[in-house]
C-alpha atoms as a PDB file:
ATOM      1  CA  MET A   1     -22.121 -19.342 -43.268  1.00  0.00           C
ATOM      2  CA  LYS A   2     -23.802 -16.015 -43.957  1.00  0.00           C
ATOM      3  CA  ILE A   3     -26.561 -14.431 -41.877  1.00  0.00           C
ATOM      4  CA  ILE A   4     -29.342 -13.080 -44.056  1.00  0.00           C
ATOM      5  CA  ARG A   5     -31.757 -11.774 -41.408  1.00  0.00           C
ATOM      6  CA  SER A   6     -32.022 -11.570 -37.638  1.00  0.00           C
ATOM      7  CA  LEU A   7     -34.509  -9.971 -35.260  1.00  0.00           C
ATOM      8  CA  PHE A   8     -35.752  -9.985 -31.660  1.00  0.00           C
ATOM      9  CA  CYS A   9     -39.256 -11.122 -30.758  1.00  0.00           C
ATOM     10  CA  GLU A  10     -41.125 -12.837 -27.947  1.00  0.00           C
ATOM     11  CA  ASN A  11     -41.378 -16.233 -29.623  1.00  0.00           C
ATOM     12  CA  VAL A  12     -40.919 -18.028 -32.938  1.00  0.00           C
ATOM     13  CA  VAL A  13     -42.820 -21.075 -34.158  1.00  0.00           C
ATOM     14  CA  ASN A  14     -41.715 -23.082 -37.200  1.00  0.00           C
ATOM     15  CA  ASP A  15     -44.723 -24.743 -38.818  1.00  0.00           C
ATOM     16  CA  SER A  16     -43.410 -28.139 -39.926  1.00  0.00           C
ATOM     17  CA  GLU A  17     -46.306 -28.719 -42.313  1.00  0.00           C
ATOM     18  CA  THR A  18     -46.219 -25.443 -44.272  1.00  0.00           C
ATOM     19  CA  LYS A  19     -42.564 -24.510 -43.519  1.00  0.00           C
ATOM     20  CA  ASN A  20     -43.822 -21.045 -42.548  1.00  0.00           C
ATOM     21  CA  VAL A  21     -42.351 -19.131 -39.634  1.00  0.00           C
ATOM     22  CA  ILE A  22     -44.685 -17.435 -37.169  1.00  0.00           C
ATOM     23  CA  ILE A  23     -43.053 -14.561 -35.288  1.00  0.00           C
ATOM     24  CA  TYR A  24     -44.855 -13.344 -32.167  1.00  0.00           C
ATOM     25  CA  ASN A  25     -44.490  -9.819 -30.812  1.00  0.00           C
ATOM     26  CA  LEU A  26     -41.590  -8.303 -32.671  1.00  0.00           C
ATOM     27  CA  PHE A  27     -39.550  -6.148 -30.250  1.00  0.00           C
ATOM     28  CA  GLU A  28     -38.933  -2.608 -31.436  1.00  0.00           C
ATOM     29  CA  GLU A  29     -39.071  -0.825 -28.087  1.00  0.00           C
ATOM     30  CA  VAL A  30     -39.820  -1.717 -24.487  1.00  0.00           C
ATOM     31  CA  SER A  31     -40.912   0.864 -21.899  1.00  0.00           C
ATOM     32  CA  SER A  32     -40.839   0.523 -18.132  1.00  0.00           C
ATOM     33  CA  PRO A  33     -41.626   2.838 -15.203  1.00  0.00           C
ATOM     34  CA  GLY A  34     -38.536   1.575 -13.334  1.00  0.00           C
ATOM     35  CA  PHE A  35     -35.438  -0.576 -13.512  1.00  0.00           C
ATOM     36  CA  PRO A  36     -34.266  -3.281 -13.367  1.00  0.00           C
ATOM     37  CA  ILE A  37     -36.901  -5.006 -15.518  1.00  0.00           C
ATOM     38  CA  LEU A  38     -37.373  -8.653 -16.426  1.00  0.00           C
ATOM     39  CA  LEU A  39     -38.453  -9.892 -19.844  1.00  0.00           C
ATOM     40  CA  GLN A  40     -39.890 -13.362 -19.322  1.00  0.00           C
ATOM     41  CA  LYS A  41     -39.512 -14.378 -22.966  1.00  0.00           C
ATOM     42  CA  LEU A  42     -37.085 -13.127 -25.572  1.00  0.00           C
ATOM     43  CA  ALA A  43     -36.111 -14.885 -28.796  1.00  0.00           C
ATOM     44  CA  LEU A  44     -33.477 -14.096 -31.388  1.00  0.00           C
ATOM     45  CA  TYR A  45     -34.546 -15.351 -34.840  1.00  0.00           C
ATOM     46  CA  ILE A  46     -31.731 -15.959 -37.324  1.00  0.00           C
ATOM     47  CA  PHE A  47     -32.110 -16.848 -41.008  1.00  0.00           C
ATOM     48  CA  CYS A  48     -28.844 -17.928 -42.615  1.00  0.00           C
ATOM     49  CA  GLU A  49     -27.248 -19.408 -45.695  1.00  0.00           C
ATOM     50  CA  ASN A  50     -24.615 -22.112 -45.893  1.00  0.00           C
ATOM     51  CA  GLU A  51     -21.735 -20.946 -48.064  1.00  0.00           C
ATOM     52  CA  ALA A  52     -19.768 -24.187 -47.493  1.00  0.00           C
ATOM     53  CA  PRO A  53     -22.132 -27.053 -48.443  1.00  0.00           C
ATOM     54  CA  SER A  54     -19.658 -29.681 -47.219  1.00  0.00           C
ATOM     55  CA  ILE A  55     -20.016 -28.331 -43.642  1.00  0.00           C
ATOM     56  CA  LEU A  56     -23.487 -28.919 -42.201  1.00  0.00           C
ATOM     57  CA  MET A  57     -22.909 -27.693 -38.612  1.00  0.00           C
ATOM     58  CA  HIS A  58     -21.772 -24.196 -37.689  1.00  0.00           C
ATOM     59  CA  ASP A  59     -21.282 -22.586 -34.278  1.00  0.00           C
ATOM     60  CA  LEU A  60     -22.434 -19.003 -33.929  1.00  0.00           C
ATOM     61  CA  ASP A  61     -21.356 -16.870 -30.962  1.00  0.00           C
ATOM     62  CA  ILE A  62     -24.081 -14.612 -29.594  1.00  0.00           C
ATOM     63  CA  LYS A  63     -23.231 -11.671 -27.347  1.00  0.00           C
ATOM     64  CA  LEU A  64     -25.976  -9.545 -25.768  1.00  0.00           C
ATOM     65  CA  PHE A  65     -25.367  -5.974 -24.575  1.00  0.00           C
ATOM     66  CA  ILE A  66     -27.155  -2.999 -23.063  1.00  0.00           C
ATOM     67  CA  ASN A  67     -25.318   0.277 -23.794  1.00  0.00           C
ATOM     68  CA  GLU A  68     -22.084  -1.656 -24.466  1.00  0.00           C
ATOM     69  CA  GLN A  69     -22.412  -3.428 -21.075  1.00  0.00           C
ATOM     70  CA  PRO A  70     -22.288  -7.226 -21.582  1.00  0.00           C
ATOM     71  CA  LEU A  71     -25.384  -9.134 -20.409  1.00  0.00           C
ATOM     72  CA  PHE A  72     -24.887 -12.608 -21.860  1.00  0.00           C
ATOM     73  CA  SER A  73     -22.741 -14.633 -24.225  1.00  0.00           C
ATOM     74  CA  GLY A  74     -23.193 -18.128 -25.538  1.00  0.00           C
ATOM     75  CA  LYS A  75     -23.011 -20.422 -28.550  1.00  0.00           C
ATOM     76  CA  LEU A  76     -25.761 -21.484 -30.891  1.00  0.00           C
ATOM     77  CA  ARG A  77     -25.174 -24.510 -33.113  1.00  0.00           C
ATOM     78  CA  ILE A  78     -26.760 -24.085 -36.513  1.00  0.00           C
ATOM     79  CA  ILE A  79     -27.431 -27.287 -38.461  1.00  0.00           C
ATOM     80  CA  PHE A  80     -28.212 -27.400 -42.166  1.00  0.00           C
ATOM     81  CA  GLN A  81     -30.294 -30.565 -42.595  1.00  0.00           C
ATOM     82  CA  ASN A  82     -30.936 -32.513 -45.801  1.00  0.00           C
ATOM     83  CA  ASN A  83     -28.245 -30.564 -47.652  1.00  0.00           C
ATOM     84  CA  LEU A  84     -30.346 -27.396 -47.593  1.00  0.00           C
ATOM     85  CA  THR A  85     -28.487 -24.184 -48.334  1.00  0.00           C
ATOM     86  CA  LYS A  86     -30.663 -22.033 -46.038  1.00  0.00           C
ATOM     87  CA  THR A  87     -31.980 -22.620 -42.548  1.00  0.00           C
ATOM     88  CA  ARG A  88     -33.529 -20.875 -39.564  1.00  0.00           C
ATOM     89  CA  ALA A  89     -32.303 -20.884 -35.998  1.00  0.00           C
ATOM     90  CA  VAL A  90     -33.805 -19.475 -32.815  1.00  0.00           C
ATOM     91  CA  ALA A  91     -32.053 -18.639 -29.561  1.00  0.00           C
ATOM     92  CA  LYS A  92     -34.556 -18.360 -26.698  1.00  0.00           C
ATOM     93  CA  PHE A  93     -33.747 -16.501 -23.494  1.00  0.00           C
ATOM     94  CA  ASN A  94     -36.046 -17.167 -20.539  1.00  0.00           C
ATOM     95  CA  GLY A  95     -35.976 -14.477 -17.900  1.00  0.00           C
ATOM     96  CA  ILE A  96     -33.423 -11.875 -18.997  1.00  0.00           C
ATOM     97  CA  VAL A  97     -32.913  -8.899 -16.671  1.00  0.00           C
ATOM     98  CA  PHE A  98     -32.205  -5.414 -17.988  1.00  0.00           C
ATOM     99  CA  PRO A  99     -30.527  -3.378 -15.231  1.00  0.00           C
ATOM    100  CA  ILE A 100     -30.749   0.042 -16.925  1.00  0.00           C
ATOM    101  CA  PRO A 101     -32.551   1.777 -19.803  1.00  0.00           C
ATOM    102  CA  GLY A 102     -30.760   2.126 -23.125  1.00  0.00           C
ATOM    103  CA  PHE A 103     -30.122   0.298 -26.359  1.00  0.00           C
ATOM    104  CA  PHE A 104     -30.202  -3.499 -26.114  1.00  0.00           C
ATOM    105  CA  TYR A 105     -28.521  -5.393 -28.922  1.00  0.00           C
ATOM    106  CA  ALA A 106     -26.862  -8.603 -30.008  1.00  0.00           C
ATOM    107  CA  LYS A 107     -23.623  -9.072 -31.867  1.00  0.00           C
ATOM    108  CA  LEU A 108     -23.306 -12.268 -33.869  1.00  0.00           C
ATOM    109  CA  TYR A 109     -19.905 -13.826 -34.542  1.00  0.00           C
ATOM    110  CA  TYR A 110     -19.001 -16.671 -36.852  1.00  0.00           C
ATOM    111  CA  GLN A 111     -15.470 -18.108 -36.707  1.00  0.00           C
ATOM    112  CA  GLY A 112     -14.437 -15.180 -34.512  1.00  0.00           C
ATOM    113  CA  GLU A 113     -15.576 -12.484 -36.932  1.00  0.00           C
ATOM    114  CA  GLN A 114     -18.534 -10.236 -36.268  1.00  0.00           C
ATOM    115  CA  GLN A 115     -21.187 -10.701 -38.908  1.00  0.00           C
ATOM    116  CA  PRO A 116     -21.645  -7.455 -40.861  1.00  0.00           C
ATOM    117  CA  PHE A 117     -24.911  -5.556 -40.580  1.00  0.00           C
ATOM    118  CA  HIS A 118     -26.293  -7.915 -37.972  1.00  0.00           C
ATOM    119  CA  GLU A 119     -26.115  -5.913 -34.811  1.00  0.00           C
ATOM    120  CA  VAL A 120     -29.838  -6.177 -34.072  1.00  0.00           C
ATOM    121  CA  GLY A 121     -31.522  -4.528 -31.131  1.00  0.00           C
ATOM    122  CA  PHE A 122     -34.176  -2.286 -29.656  1.00  0.00           C
ATOM    123  CA  ASN A 123     -34.551   0.581 -27.169  1.00  0.00           C
ATOM    124  CA  ILE A 124     -35.519   0.042 -23.551  1.00  0.00           C
ATOM    125  CA  SER A 125     -36.782   3.310 -22.143  1.00  0.00           C
ATOM    126  CA  LEU A 126     -37.841   4.738 -18.812  1.00  0.00           C
ATOM    127  CA  THR A 127     -41.474   5.850 -19.031  1.00  0.00           C
ATOM    128  CA  PRO A 128     -42.800   7.720 -16.035  1.00  0.00           C
ATOM    129  CA  GLN A 129     -46.221   6.724 -14.730  1.00  0.00           C
ATOM    130  CA  MET A 130     -48.852   9.086 -13.397  1.00  0.00           C
ATOM    131  CA  THR A 131     -51.926   8.518 -11.304  1.00  0.00           C
ATOM    132  CA  ALA A 132     -55.147  10.364 -12.162  1.00  0.00           C
ATOM    133  CA  THR A 133     -58.256  10.612 -10.023  1.00  0.00           C
ATOM    134  CA  ASN A 134     -61.699  11.152 -11.523  1.00  0.00           C
ATOM    135  CA  GLU A 135     -64.875  12.414  -9.826  1.00  0.00           C
ATOM    136  CA  ASN A 136     -65.665   8.964  -8.425  1.00  0.00           C
ATOM    137  CA  LYS A 137     -62.349   8.984  -6.526  1.00  0.00           C
ATOM    138  CA  SER A 138     -61.150   5.785  -8.207  1.00  0.00           C
ATOM    139  CA  GLU A 139     -57.527   5.692  -9.298  1.00  0.00           C
ATOM    140  CA  GLU A 140     -56.493   4.992 -12.831  1.00  0.00           C
ATOM    141  CA  LYS A 141     -52.891   4.519 -13.924  1.00  0.00           C
ATOM    142  CA  THR A 142     -51.821   5.748 -17.326  1.00  0.00           C
ATOM    143  CA  ALA A 143     -48.557   5.875 -19.176  1.00  0.00           C
END
């Protein structure tokens, strides 16, 4: 099995009628005024190719990190149906906590070997907040 593409987003929907993939809110960077932070929805989209057509099920190990600190590890079973050579898989994480700012990324392993060029991730940064007061004495928060 070979991974062609992978990315982080909020959600992925596979349209069964058109076979199109709808990717919602691609994650490139997340900012927060404080830590830890909680992302309610996070999805890892994976597009892959089957290099061994006689094997239709493959287990992929997913390891999530923030600044080399492990956050999560688990397996994702990828199934190639109807003898297709390419398929899509989505790992959804509901309620993942980021304890510190830094670079968040996933490493993908197949048969114990890290998949080349597929260490996908995004920055999580600390963004200070300020409070401004206008003439009407109402408070407005800005980033």
